Amino acid sequence: MKNIIQNINKAFDHRIRLGIMSILMVNESADFTTLKELLGVTDGNLASHAKALESEEYIAIEKQFIGKKPNTSYKATKLGKKAFQEHIEALEKLIKKN
Protein backbone atom coordinates (compact mmCIF):
# COMPACT_ATOMS: atom_id res chain seq x y z
CA MET A 1 0.00 0.00 0.00
CA LYS A 2 1.32 3.42 -0.96
CA ASN A 3 2.03 5.83 1.90
CA ILE A 4 -1.06 8.06 1.92
CA ILE A 5 0.66 11.00 3.59
CA GLN A 6 3.82 11.10 1.45
CA ASN A 7 2.71 14.17 -0.54
CA ILE A 8 1.70 16.21 2.50
CA ASN A 9 4.26 19.00 2.60
CA LYS A 10 5.87 19.59 6.00
CA ALA A 11 6.40 23.28 5.15
CA PHE A 12 2.63 23.76 5.41
CA ASP A 13 2.02 21.76 8.59
CA HIS A 14 1.64 24.83 10.79
CA ARG A 15 -1.64 26.74 10.74
CA ILE A 16 0.07 30.10 10.25
CA ARG A 17 2.00 28.89 7.19
CA LEU A 18 -1.16 27.27 5.87
CA GLY A 19 -2.96 30.59 6.38
CA ILE A 20 -0.26 32.64 4.69
CA MET A 21 -0.29 30.41 1.63
CA SER A 22 -4.09 30.27 1.51
CA ILE A 23 -4.26 34.07 1.45
CA LEU A 24 -1.52 34.36 -1.15
CA MET A 25 -3.12 31.74 -3.41
CA VAL A 26 -6.22 33.91 -3.88
CA ASN A 27 -4.53 37.33 -3.83
CA GLU A 28 -1.70 38.53 -6.03
CA SER A 29 0.07 39.80 -2.92
CA ALA A 30 -0.61 40.85 0.66
CA ASP A 31 1.22 43.21 2.98
CA PHE A 32 2.41 42.48 6.50
CA THR A 33 -0.44 44.30 8.24
CA THR A 34 -3.10 42.56 6.17
CA LEU A 35 -1.66 39.10 6.86
CA LYS A 36 -1.24 39.90 10.55
CA GLU A 37 -4.86 41.04 10.88
CA LEU A 38 -6.37 38.21 8.82
CA LEU A 39 -4.40 35.55 10.70
CA GLY A 40 -4.61 37.14 14.15
CA VAL A 41 -0.93 36.60 14.90
CA THR A 42 1.89 38.61 16.46
CA ASP A 43 4.56 40.40 14.44
CA GLY A 44 7.18 37.86 15.48
CA ASN A 45 5.03 34.85 14.64
CA LEU A 46 4.19 36.17 11.20
CA ALA A 47 7.78 37.16 10.46
CA SER A 48 9.24 33.79 11.49
CA HIS A 49 6.69 31.74 9.53
CA ALA A 50 7.03 33.97 6.48
CA LYS A 51 10.81 33.55 6.68
CA ALA A 52 10.39 29.76 6.77
CA LEU A 53 8.25 29.86 3.62
CA GLU A 54 10.73 32.22 1.97
CA SER A 55 13.61 29.86 2.73
CA GLU A 56 11.71 27.11 0.87
CA GLU A 57 11.29 29.61 -1.99
CA TYR A 58 7.49 29.31 -1.67
CA ILE A 59 6.98 33.04 -1.15
CA ALA A 60 8.85 36.18 -2.15
CA ILE A 61 9.18 39.00 0.34
CA GLU A 62 9.59 42.57 -0.90
CA LYS A 63 10.53 45.38 1.47
CA GLN A 64 10.13 48.99 0.44
CA PHE A 65 9.21 52.38 1.80
CA ILE A 66 5.92 54.12 1.07
CA GLY A 67 6.70 57.67 1.97
CA LYS A 68 8.68 57.27 5.16
CA LYS A 69 6.87 54.13 6.31
CA PRO A 70 8.34 50.68 5.72
CA ASN A 71 6.10 48.28 3.82
CA THR A 72 6.64 44.55 3.47
CA SER A 73 4.64 42.64 0.91
CA TYR A 74 4.42 38.92 0.26
CA LYS A 75 3.72 37.01 -2.92
CA ALA A 76 3.46 33.28 -3.62
CA THR A 77 6.09 32.09 -6.08
CA LYS A 78 5.38 29.72 -8.95
CA LEU A 79 7.12 26.96 -6.97
CA GLY A 80 5.09 27.84 -3.88
CA LYS A 81 1.78 27.74 -5.74
CA LYS A 82 2.65 24.35 -7.22
CA ALA A 83 3.76 22.92 -3.86
CA PHE A 84 0.68 24.25 -2.07
CA GLN A 85 -1.66 22.87 -4.73
CA GLU A 86 0.02 19.46 -4.41
CA HIS A 87 -0.33 19.68 -0.62
CA ILE A 88 -4.06 20.45 -0.88
CA GLU A 89 -4.55 17.59 -3.36
CA ALA A 90 -2.75 15.21 -0.99
CA LEU A 91 -5.03 16.28 1.88
CA GLU A 92 -8.09 15.76 -0.33
CA LYS A 93 -6.92 12.26 -1.24
CA LEU A 94 -6.29 11.49 2.43
CA ILE A 95 -9.82 12.58 3.34
CA LYS A 96 -11.35 10.55 0.52
CA LYS A 97 -9.47 7.43 1.66
CA ASN A 98 -11.48 7.25 4.90
PDB file of N, CA and C in Angstrom:
ATOM      1  N   MET A   1       0.842  -1.188   0.000  1.00  0.00           N
ATOM      2  CA  MET A   1       0.000   0.000   0.000  1.00  0.00           C
ATOM      3  C   MET A   1       0.884   1.248   0.000  1.00  0.00           C
ATOM      4  N   LYS A   2       0.563   2.174  -0.844  1.00  0.00           N
ATOM      5  CA  LYS A   2       1.315   3.416  -0.958  1.00  0.00           C
ATOM      6  C   LYS A   2       1.084   4.278   0.287  1.00  0.00           C
ATOM      7  N   ASN A   3       2.125   4.940   0.747  1.00  0.00           N
ATOM      8  CA  ASN A   3       2.035   5.831   1.904  1.00  0.00           C
ATOM      9  C   ASN A   3       1.093   6.987   1.569  1.00  0.00           C
ATOM     10  N   ILE A   4      -0.030   7.079   2.277  1.00  0.00           N
ATOM     11  CA  ILE A   4      -1.059   8.062   1.921  1.00  0.00           C
ATOM     12  C   ILE A   4      -0.733   9.484   2.359  1.00  0.00           C
ATOM     13  N   ILE A   5       0.310   9.647   3.164  1.00  0.00           N
ATOM     14  CA  ILE A   5       0.661  11.004   3.588  1.00  0.00           C
ATOM     15  C   ILE A   5       1.970  11.485   2.966  1.00  0.00           C
ATOM     16  N   GLN A   6       2.513  10.748   2.008  1.00  0.00           N
ATOM     17  CA  GLN A   6       3.818  11.101   1.448  1.00  0.00           C
ATOM     18  C   GLN A   6       3.840  12.446   0.738  1.00  0.00           C
ATOM     19  N   ASN A   7       2.731  12.898   0.178  1.00  0.00           N
ATOM     20  CA  ASN A   7       2.715  14.171  -0.542  1.00  0.00           C
ATOM     21  C   ASN A   7       2.261  15.353   0.317  1.00  0.00           C
ATOM     22  N   ILE A   8       2.036  15.107   1.601  1.00  0.00           N
ATOM     23  CA  ILE A   8       1.700  16.207   2.498  1.00  0.00           C
ATOM     24  C   ILE A   8       3.009  16.932   2.818  1.00  0.00           C
ATOM     25  N   ASN A   9       3.039  18.209   2.518  1.00  0.00           N
ATOM     26  CA  ASN A   9       4.255  19.004   2.605  1.00  0.00           C
ATOM     27  C   ASN A   9       4.461  19.537   4.014  1.00  0.00           C
ATOM     28  N   LYS A  10       5.560  19.180   4.622  1.00  0.00           N
ATOM     29  CA  LYS A  10       5.874  19.589   5.998  1.00  0.00           C
ATOM     30  C   LYS A  10       5.956  21.108   6.146  1.00  0.00           C
ATOM     31  N   ALA A  11       6.309  21.808   5.076  1.00  0.00           N
ATOM     32  CA  ALA A  11       6.404  23.280   5.149  1.00  0.00           C
ATOM     33  C   ALA A  11       5.064  23.922   5.460  1.00  0.00           C
ATOM     34  N   PHE A  12       3.974  23.204   5.185  1.00  0.00           N
ATOM     35  CA  PHE A  12       2.632  23.759   5.407  1.00  0.00           C
ATOM     36  C   PHE A  12       1.934  23.132   6.617  1.00  0.00           C
ATOM     37  N   ASP A  13       2.674  22.458   7.485  1.00  0.00           N
ATOM     38  CA  ASP A  13       2.021  21.761   8.591  1.00  0.00           C
ATOM     39  C   ASP A  13       1.620  22.663   9.752  1.00  0.00           C
ATOM     40  N   HIS A  14       2.039  23.902   9.734  1.00  0.00           N
ATOM     41  CA  HIS A  14       1.640  24.833  10.794  1.00  0.00           C
ATOM     42  C   HIS A  14       0.500  25.713  10.291  1.00  0.00           C
ATOM     43  N   ARG A  15      -0.452  25.989  11.148  1.00  0.00           N
ATOM     44  CA  ARG A  15      -1.644  26.740  10.740  1.00  0.00           C
ATOM     45  C   ARG A  15      -1.326  28.130  10.202  1.00  0.00           C
ATOM     46  N   ILE A  16      -0.278  28.771  10.727  1.00  0.00           N
ATOM     47  CA  ILE A  16       0.072  30.104  10.245  1.00  0.00           C
ATOM     48  C   ILE A  16       0.614  30.027   8.820  1.00  0.00           C
ATOM     49  N   ARG A  17       1.467  29.054   8.549  1.00  0.00           N
ATOM     50  CA  ARG A  17       1.995  28.887   7.186  1.00  0.00           C
ATOM     51  C   ARG A  17       0.882  28.509   6.223  1.00  0.00           C
ATOM     52  N   LEU A  18      -0.002  27.658   6.677  1.00  0.00           N
ATOM     53  CA  LEU A  18      -1.156  27.270   5.866  1.00  0.00           C
ATOM     54  C   LEU A  18      -2.007  28.504   5.562  1.00  0.00           C
ATOM     55  N   GLY A  19      -2.190  29.353   6.559  1.00  0.00           N
ATOM     56  CA  GLY A  19      -2.959  30.587   6.382  1.00  0.00           C
ATOM     57  C   GLY A  19      -2.294  31.564   5.435  1.00  0.00           C
ATOM     58  N   ILE A  20      -0.985  31.743   5.580  1.00  0.00           N
ATOM     59  CA  ILE A  20      -0.255  32.645   4.692  1.00  0.00           C
ATOM     60  C   ILE A  20      -0.425  32.194   3.247  1.00  0.00           C
ATOM     61  N   MET A  21      -0.194  30.908   3.001  1.00  0.00           N
ATOM     62  CA  MET A  21      -0.288  30.405   1.634  1.00  0.00           C
ATOM     63  C   MET A  21      -1.717  30.471   1.108  1.00  0.00           C
ATOM     64  N   SER A  22      -2.691  30.197   1.946  1.00  0.00           N
ATOM     65  CA  SER A  22      -4.092  30.268   1.513  1.00  0.00           C
ATOM     66  C   SER A  22      -4.438  31.682   1.056  1.00  0.00           C
ATOM     67  N   ILE A  23      -3.998  32.668   1.811  1.00  0.00           N
ATOM     68  CA  ILE A  23      -4.260  34.069   1.454  1.00  0.00           C
ATOM     69  C   ILE A  23      -3.547  34.429   0.156  1.00  0.00           C
ATOM     70  N   LEU A  24      -2.298  33.998   0.029  1.00  0.00           N
ATOM     71  CA  LEU A  24      -1.522  34.357  -1.153  1.00  0.00           C
ATOM     72  C   LEU A  24      -1.947  33.599  -2.413  1.00  0.00           C
ATOM     73  N   MET A  25      -2.626  32.497  -2.248  1.00  0.00           N
ATOM     74  CA  MET A  25      -3.118  31.743  -3.413  1.00  0.00           C
ATOM     75  C   MET A  25      -4.290  32.464  -4.078  1.00  0.00           C
ATOM     76  N   VAL A  26      -5.040  33.240  -3.314  1.00  0.00           N
ATOM     77  CA  VAL A  26      -6.219  33.910  -3.876  1.00  0.00           C
ATOM     78  C   VAL A  26      -6.030  35.418  -4.041  1.00  0.00           C
ATOM     79  N   ASN A  27      -4.869  35.913  -3.668  1.00  0.00           N
ATOM     80  CA  ASN A  27      -4.526  37.327  -3.830  1.00  0.00           C
ATOM     81  C   ASN A  27      -3.156  37.406  -4.501  1.00  0.00           C
ATOM     82  N   GLU A  28      -2.995  38.379  -5.358  1.00  0.00           N
ATOM     83  CA  GLU A  28      -1.698  38.529  -6.031  1.00  0.00           C
ATOM     84  C   GLU A  28      -0.578  38.753  -5.019  1.00  0.00           C
ATOM     85  N   SER A  29      -0.892  39.558  -3.997  1.00  0.00           N
ATOM     86  CA  SER A  29       0.069  39.801  -2.920  1.00  0.00           C
ATOM     87  C   SER A  29      -0.706  40.284  -1.697  1.00  0.00           C
ATOM     88  N   ALA A  30      -0.009  40.324  -0.576  1.00  0.00           N
ATOM     89  CA  ALA A  30      -0.605  40.847   0.658  1.00  0.00           C
ATOM     90  C   ALA A  30       0.508  41.485   1.469  1.00  0.00           C
ATOM     91  N   ASP A  31       0.188  42.573   2.163  1.00  0.00           N
ATOM     92  CA  ASP A  31       1.218  43.208   2.977  1.00  0.00           C
ATOM     93  C   ASP A  31       1.195  42.643   4.398  1.00  0.00           C
ATOM     94  N   PHE A  32       2.220  43.012   5.157  1.00  0.00           N
ATOM     95  CA  PHE A  32       2.414  42.483   6.504  1.00  0.00           C
ATOM     96  C   PHE A  32       1.191  42.723   7.387  1.00  0.00           C
ATOM     97  N   THR A  33       0.689  43.945   7.379  1.00  0.00           N
ATOM     98  CA  THR A  33      -0.436  44.297   8.241  1.00  0.00           C
ATOM     99  C   THR A  33      -1.682  43.493   7.884  1.00  0.00           C
ATOM    100  N   THR A  34      -1.939  43.329   6.612  1.00  0.00           N
ATOM    101  CA  THR A  34      -3.104  42.556   6.169  1.00  0.00           C
ATOM    102  C   THR A  34      -2.992  41.112   6.636  1.00  0.00           C
ATOM    103  N   LEU A  35      -1.840  40.487   6.408  1.00  0.00           N
ATOM    104  CA  LEU A  35      -1.656  39.101   6.859  1.00  0.00           C
ATOM    105  C   LEU A  35      -1.794  38.989   8.373  1.00  0.00           C
ATOM    106  N   LYS A  36      -1.191  39.923   9.082  1.00  0.00           N
ATOM    107  CA  LYS A  36      -1.244  39.904  10.552  1.00  0.00           C
ATOM    108  C   LYS A  36      -2.688  39.981  11.046  1.00  0.00           C
ATOM    109  N   GLU A  37      -3.464  40.878  10.460  1.00  0.00           N
ATOM    110  CA  GLU A  37      -4.860  41.041  10.882  1.00  0.00           C
ATOM    111  C   GLU A  37      -5.713  39.841  10.488  1.00  0.00           C
ATOM    112  N   LEU A  38      -5.559  39.355   9.269  1.00  0.00           N
ATOM    113  CA  LEU A  38      -6.366  38.210   8.822  1.00  0.00           C
ATOM    114  C   LEU A  38      -6.066  36.940   9.618  1.00  0.00           C
ATOM    115  N   LEU A  39      -4.806  36.768   9.987  1.00  0.00           N
ATOM    116  CA  LEU A  39      -4.402  35.549  10.698  1.00  0.00           C
ATOM    117  C   LEU A  39      -4.467  35.689  12.214  1.00  0.00           C
ATOM    118  N   GLY A  40      -4.545  36.923  12.701  1.00  0.00           N
ATOM    119  CA  GLY A  40      -4.608  37.139  14.147  1.00  0.00           C
ATOM    120  C   GLY A  40      -3.355  36.674  14.873  1.00  0.00           C
ATOM    121  N   VAL A  41      -2.193  37.030  14.325  1.00  0.00           N
ATOM    122  CA  VAL A  41      -0.925  36.600  14.903  1.00  0.00           C
ATOM    123  C   VAL A  41      -0.074  37.804  15.291  1.00  0.00           C
ATOM    124  N   THR A  42       0.968  37.547  16.061  1.00  0.00           N
ATOM    125  CA  THR A  42       1.888  38.613  16.456  1.00  0.00           C
ATOM    126  C   THR A  42       2.872  38.899  15.317  1.00  0.00           C
ATOM    127  N   ASP A  43       3.531  40.028  15.423  1.00  0.00           N
ATOM    128  CA  ASP A  43       4.555  40.401  14.440  1.00  0.00           C
ATOM    129  C   ASP A  43       5.616  39.314  14.324  1.00  0.00           C
ATOM    130  N   GLY A  44       6.109  38.865  15.460  1.00  0.00           N
ATOM    131  CA  GLY A  44       7.177  37.861  15.484  1.00  0.00           C
ATOM    132  C   GLY A  44       6.754  36.540  14.872  1.00  0.00           C
ATOM    133  N   ASN A  45       5.537  36.100  15.211  1.00  0.00           N
ATOM    134  CA  ASN A  45       5.029  34.846  14.636  1.00  0.00           C
ATOM    135  C   ASN A  45       4.932  34.934  13.128  1.00  0.00           C
ATOM    136  N   LEU A  46       4.348  36.006  12.639  1.00  0.00           N
ATOM    137  CA  LEU A  46       4.192  36.167  11.202  1.00  0.00           C
ATOM    138  C   LEU A  46       5.553  36.233  10.518  1.00  0.00           C
ATOM    139  N   ALA A  47       6.454  37.013  11.068  1.00  0.00           N
ATOM    140  CA  ALA A  47       7.781  37.158  10.459  1.00  0.00           C
ATOM    141  C   ALA A  47       8.529  35.833  10.399  1.00  0.00           C
ATOM    142  N   SER A  48       8.485  35.055  11.476  1.00  0.00           N
ATOM    143  CA  SER A  48       9.235  33.792  11.493  1.00  0.00           C
ATOM    144  C   SER A  48       8.634  32.760  10.533  1.00  0.00           C
ATOM    145  N   HIS A  49       7.314  32.698  10.447  1.00  0.00           N
ATOM    146  CA  HIS A  49       6.691  31.735   9.526  1.00  0.00           C
ATOM    147  C   HIS A  49       6.850  32.175   8.072  1.00  0.00           C
ATOM    148  N   ALA A  50       6.795  33.466   7.830  1.00  0.00           N
ATOM    149  CA  ALA A  50       7.029  33.966   6.475  1.00  0.00           C
ATOM    150  C   ALA A  50       8.473  33.669   6.053  1.00  0.00           C
ATOM    151  N   LYS A  51       9.403  33.838   6.969  1.00  0.00           N
ATOM    152  CA  LYS A  51      10.812  33.548   6.677  1.00  0.00           C
ATOM    153  C   LYS A  51      10.994  32.071   6.339  1.00  0.00           C
ATOM    154  N   ALA A  52      10.300  31.197   7.054  1.00  0.00           N
ATOM    155  CA  ALA A  52      10.394  29.760   6.772  1.00  0.00           C
ATOM    156  C   ALA A  52       9.888  29.443   5.361  1.00  0.00           C
ATOM    157  N   LEU A  53       8.781  30.072   4.970  1.00  0.00           N
ATOM    158  CA  LEU A  53       8.250  29.859   3.618  1.00  0.00           C
ATOM    159  C   LEU A  53       9.178  30.467   2.571  1.00  0.00           C
ATOM    160  N   GLU A  54       9.793  31.599   2.897  1.00  0.00           N
ATOM    161  CA  GLU A  54      10.733  32.221   1.970  1.00  0.00           C
ATOM    162  C   GLU A  54      11.966  31.330   1.777  1.00  0.00           C
ATOM    163  N   SER A  55      12.429  30.708   2.839  1.00  0.00           N
ATOM    164  CA  SER A  55      13.614  29.856   2.731  1.00  0.00           C
ATOM    165  C   SER A  55      13.355  28.626   1.860  1.00  0.00           C
ATOM    166  N   GLU A  56      12.097  28.211   1.770  1.00  0.00           N
ATOM    167  CA  GLU A  56      11.714  27.110   0.873  1.00  0.00           C
ATOM    168  C   GLU A  56      11.472  27.608  -0.553  1.00  0.00           C
ATOM    169  N   GLU A  57      11.561  28.934  -0.722  1.00  0.00           N
ATOM    170  CA  GLU A  57      11.285  29.615  -1.987  1.00  0.00           C
ATOM    171  C   GLU A  57       9.824  29.487  -2.413  1.00  0.00           C
ATOM    172  N   TYR A  58       8.929  29.400  -1.416  1.00  0.00           N
ATOM    173  CA  TYR A  58       7.492  29.311  -1.671  1.00  0.00           C
ATOM    174  C   TYR A  58       6.843  30.688  -1.715  1.00  0.00           C
ATOM    175  N   ILE A  59       7.475  31.666  -1.070  1.00  0.00           N
ATOM    176  CA  ILE A  59       6.985  33.040  -1.150  1.00  0.00           C
ATOM    177  C   ILE A  59       8.166  33.973  -1.398  1.00  0.00           C
ATOM    178  N   ALA A  60       7.854  35.123  -1.978  1.00  0.00           N
ATOM    179  CA  ALA A  60       8.848  36.180  -2.151  1.00  0.00           C
ATOM    180  C   ALA A  60       8.447  37.323  -1.228  1.00  0.00           C
ATOM    181  N   ILE A  61       9.421  37.890  -0.568  1.00  0.00           N
ATOM    182  CA  ILE A  61       9.182  39.003   0.343  1.00  0.00           C
ATOM    183  C   ILE A  61       9.847  40.239  -0.243  1.00  0.00           C
ATOM    184  N   GLU A  62       9.065  41.312  -0.363  1.00  0.00           N
ATOM    185  CA  GLU A  62       9.593  42.566  -0.897  1.00  0.00           C
ATOM    186  C   GLU A  62       9.430  43.653   0.147  1.00  0.00           C
ATOM    187  N   LYS A  63      10.545  44.288   0.495  1.00  0.00           N
ATOM    188  CA  LYS A  63      10.528  45.378   1.475  1.00  0.00           C
ATOM    189  C   LYS A  63      10.795  46.676   0.749  1.00  0.00           C
ATOM    190  N   GLN A  64       9.977  47.669   1.051  1.00  0.00           N
ATOM    191  CA  GLN A  64      10.127  48.986   0.437  1.00  0.00           C
ATOM    192  C   GLN A  64       9.605  50.046   1.403  1.00  0.00           C
ATOM    193  N   PHE A  65       9.756  51.282   1.020  1.00  0.00           N
ATOM    194  CA  PHE A  65       9.205  52.375   1.800  1.00  0.00           C
ATOM    195  C   PHE A  65       8.106  53.049   0.994  1.00  0.00           C
ATOM    196  N   ILE A  66       6.994  53.325   1.660  1.00  0.00           N
ATOM    197  CA  ILE A  66       5.922  54.118   1.075  1.00  0.00           C
ATOM    198  C   ILE A  66       5.926  55.414   1.865  1.00  0.00           C
ATOM    199  N   GLY A  67       6.418  56.448   1.225  1.00  0.00           N
ATOM    200  CA  GLY A  67       6.700  57.674   1.965  1.00  0.00           C
ATOM    201  C   GLY A  67       7.851  57.376   2.901  1.00  0.00           C
ATOM    202  N   LYS A  68       7.641  57.581   4.175  1.00  0.00           N
ATOM    203  CA  LYS A  68       8.681  57.273   5.161  1.00  0.00           C
ATOM    204  C   LYS A  68       8.370  56.010   5.951  1.00  0.00           C
ATOM    205  N   LYS A  69       7.277  55.331   5.575  1.00  0.00           N
ATOM    206  CA  LYS A  69       6.868  54.135   6.310  1.00  0.00           C
ATOM    207  C   LYS A  69       7.347  52.873   5.594  1.00  0.00           C
ATOM    208  N   PRO A  70       7.946  51.947   6.339  1.00  0.00           N
ATOM    209  CA  PRO A  70       8.338  50.679   5.724  1.00  0.00           C
ATOM    210  C   PRO A  70       7.102  49.853   5.355  1.00  0.00           C
ATOM    211  N   ASN A  71       7.198  49.142   4.263  1.00  0.00           N
ATOM    212  CA  ASN A  71       6.100  48.284   3.821  1.00  0.00           C
ATOM    213  C   ASN A  71       6.686  46.971   3.335  1.00  0.00           C
ATOM    214  N   THR A  72       6.197  45.878   3.880  1.00  0.00           N
ATOM    215  CA  THR A  72       6.640  44.555   3.472  1.00  0.00           C
ATOM    216  C   THR A  72       5.467  43.859   2.802  1.00  0.00           C
ATOM    217  N   SER A  73       5.695  43.362   1.592  1.00  0.00           N
ATOM    218  CA  SER A  73       4.636  42.636   0.907  1.00  0.00           C
ATOM    219  C   SER A  73       5.114  41.230   0.573  1.00  0.00           C
ATOM    220  N   TYR A  74       4.159  40.339   0.458  1.00  0.00           N
ATOM    221  CA  TYR A  74       4.419  38.922   0.257  1.00  0.00           C
ATOM    222  C   TYR A  74       3.678  38.453  -0.985  1.00  0.00           C
ATOM    223  N   LYS A  75       4.311  37.547  -1.703  1.00  0.00           N
ATOM    224  CA  LYS A  75       3.720  37.013  -2.924  1.00  0.00           C
ATOM    225  C   LYS A  75       4.103  35.538  -3.030  1.00  0.00           C
ATOM    226  N   ALA A  76       3.152  34.698  -3.402  1.00  0.00           N
ATOM    227  CA  ALA A  76       3.461  33.277  -3.615  1.00  0.00           C
ATOM    228  C   ALA A  76       4.252  33.140  -4.915  1.00  0.00           C
ATOM    229  N   THR A  77       5.300  32.336  -4.882  1.00  0.00           N
ATOM    230  CA  THR A  77       6.093  32.090  -6.078  1.00  0.00           C
ATOM    231  C   THR A  77       5.427  30.980  -6.897  1.00  0.00           C
ATOM    232  N   LYS A  78       5.892  30.800  -8.103  1.00  0.00           N
ATOM    233  CA  LYS A  78       5.378  29.720  -8.952  1.00  0.00           C
ATOM    234  C   LYS A  78       5.609  28.368  -8.265  1.00  0.00           C
ATOM    235  N   LEU A  79       6.799  28.189  -7.700  1.00  0.00           N
ATOM    236  CA  LEU A  79       7.116  26.960  -6.967  1.00  0.00           C
ATOM    237  C   LEU A  79       6.191  26.790  -5.765  1.00  0.00           C
ATOM    238  N   GLY A  80       5.955  27.896  -5.048  1.00  0.00           N
ATOM    239  CA  GLY A  80       5.093  27.841  -3.876  1.00  0.00           C
ATOM    240  C   GLY A  80       3.660  27.480  -4.224  1.00  0.00           C
ATOM    241  N   LYS A  81       3.150  28.058  -5.312  1.00  0.00           N
ATOM    242  CA  LYS A  81       1.783  27.740  -5.744  1.00  0.00           C
ATOM    243  C   LYS A  81       1.654  26.270  -6.116  1.00  0.00           C
ATOM    244  N   LYS A  82       2.653  25.758  -6.813  1.00  0.00           N
ATOM    245  CA  LYS A  82       2.645  24.350  -7.220  1.00  0.00           C
ATOM    246  C   LYS A  82       2.702  23.434  -5.992  1.00  0.00           C
ATOM    247  N   ALA A  83       3.613  23.734  -5.071  1.00  0.00           N
ATOM    248  CA  ALA A  83       3.764  22.921  -3.859  1.00  0.00           C
ATOM    249  C   ALA A  83       2.498  22.960  -3.008  1.00  0.00           C
ATOM    250  N   PHE A  84       1.890  24.131  -2.891  1.00  0.00           N
ATOM    251  CA  PHE A  84       0.681  24.252  -2.074  1.00  0.00           C
ATOM    252  C   PHE A  84      -0.481  23.500  -2.723  1.00  0.00           C
ATOM    253  N   GLN A  85      -0.605  23.598  -4.027  1.00  0.00           N
ATOM    254  CA  GLN A  85      -1.663  22.867  -4.731  1.00  0.00           C
ATOM    255  C   GLN A  85      -1.486  21.362  -4.537  1.00  0.00           C
ATOM    256  N   GLU A  86      -0.253  20.878  -4.632  1.00  0.00           N
ATOM    257  CA  GLU A  86       0.020  19.455  -4.408  1.00  0.00           C
ATOM    258  C   GLU A  86      -0.307  19.051  -2.972  1.00  0.00           C
ATOM    259  N   HIS A  87      -0.021  19.934  -2.027  1.00  0.00           N
ATOM    260  CA  HIS A  87      -0.330  19.683  -0.620  1.00  0.00           C
ATOM    261  C   HIS A  87      -1.848  19.558  -0.416  1.00  0.00           C
ATOM    262  N   ILE A  88      -2.603  20.479  -0.995  1.00  0.00           N
ATOM    263  CA  ILE A  88      -4.063  20.448  -0.884  1.00  0.00           C
ATOM    264  C   ILE A  88      -4.616  19.174  -1.529  1.00  0.00           C
ATOM    265  N   GLU A  89      -4.098  18.816  -2.679  1.00  0.00           N
ATOM    266  CA  GLU A  89      -4.545  17.585  -3.358  1.00  0.00           C
ATOM    267  C   GLU A  89      -4.244  16.354  -2.516  1.00  0.00           C
ATOM    268  N   ALA A  90      -3.087  16.337  -1.859  1.00  0.00           N
ATOM    269  CA  ALA A  90      -2.746  15.211  -0.985  1.00  0.00           C
ATOM    270  C   ALA A  90      -3.701  15.130   0.204  1.00  0.00           C
ATOM    271  N   LEU A  91      -4.059  16.271   0.770  1.00  0.00           N
ATOM    272  CA  LEU A  91      -5.027  16.285   1.878  1.00  0.00           C
ATOM    273  C   LEU A  91      -6.400  15.789   1.412  1.00  0.00           C
ATOM    274  N   GLU A  92      -6.810  16.209   0.215  1.00  0.00           N
ATOM    275  CA  GLU A  92      -8.093  15.760  -0.327  1.00  0.00           C
ATOM    276  C   GLU A  92      -8.105  14.253  -0.538  1.00  0.00           C
ATOM    277  N   LYS A  93      -7.008  13.708  -1.040  1.00  0.00           N
ATOM    278  CA  LYS A  93      -6.920  12.256  -1.241  1.00  0.00           C
ATOM    279  C   LYS A  93      -6.960  11.527   0.091  1.00  0.00           C
ATOM    280  N   LEU A  94      -6.299  12.092   1.091  1.00  0.00           N
ATOM    281  CA  LEU A  94      -6.295  11.492   2.430  1.00  0.00           C
ATOM    282  C   LEU A  94      -7.712  11.449   2.988  1.00  0.00           C
ATOM    283  N   ILE A  95      -8.451  12.516   2.830  1.00  0.00           N
ATOM    284  CA  ILE A  95      -9.822  12.579   3.339  1.00  0.00           C
ATOM    285  C   ILE A  95     -10.717  11.595   2.602  1.00  0.00           C
ATOM    286  N   LYS A  96     -10.542  11.464   1.315  1.00  0.00           N
ATOM    287  CA  LYS A  96     -11.352  10.552   0.515  1.00  0.00           C
ATOM    288  C   LYS A  96     -11.050   9.092   0.801  1.00  0.00           C
ATOM    289  N   LYS A  97      -9.856   8.801   1.329  1.00  0.00           N
ATOM    290  CA  LYS A  97      -9.466   7.425   1.663  1.00  0.00           C
ATOM    291  C   LYS A  97     -10.316   6.864   2.795  1.00  0.00           C
ATOM    292  N   ASN A  98     -10.761   7.723   3.704  1.00  0.00           N
ATOM    293  CA  ASN A  98     -11.475   7.252   4.904  1.00  0.00           C
ATOM    294  C   ASN A  98     -12.955   7.225   4.738  1.00  0.00           C
TER     295      ASN A  98
END
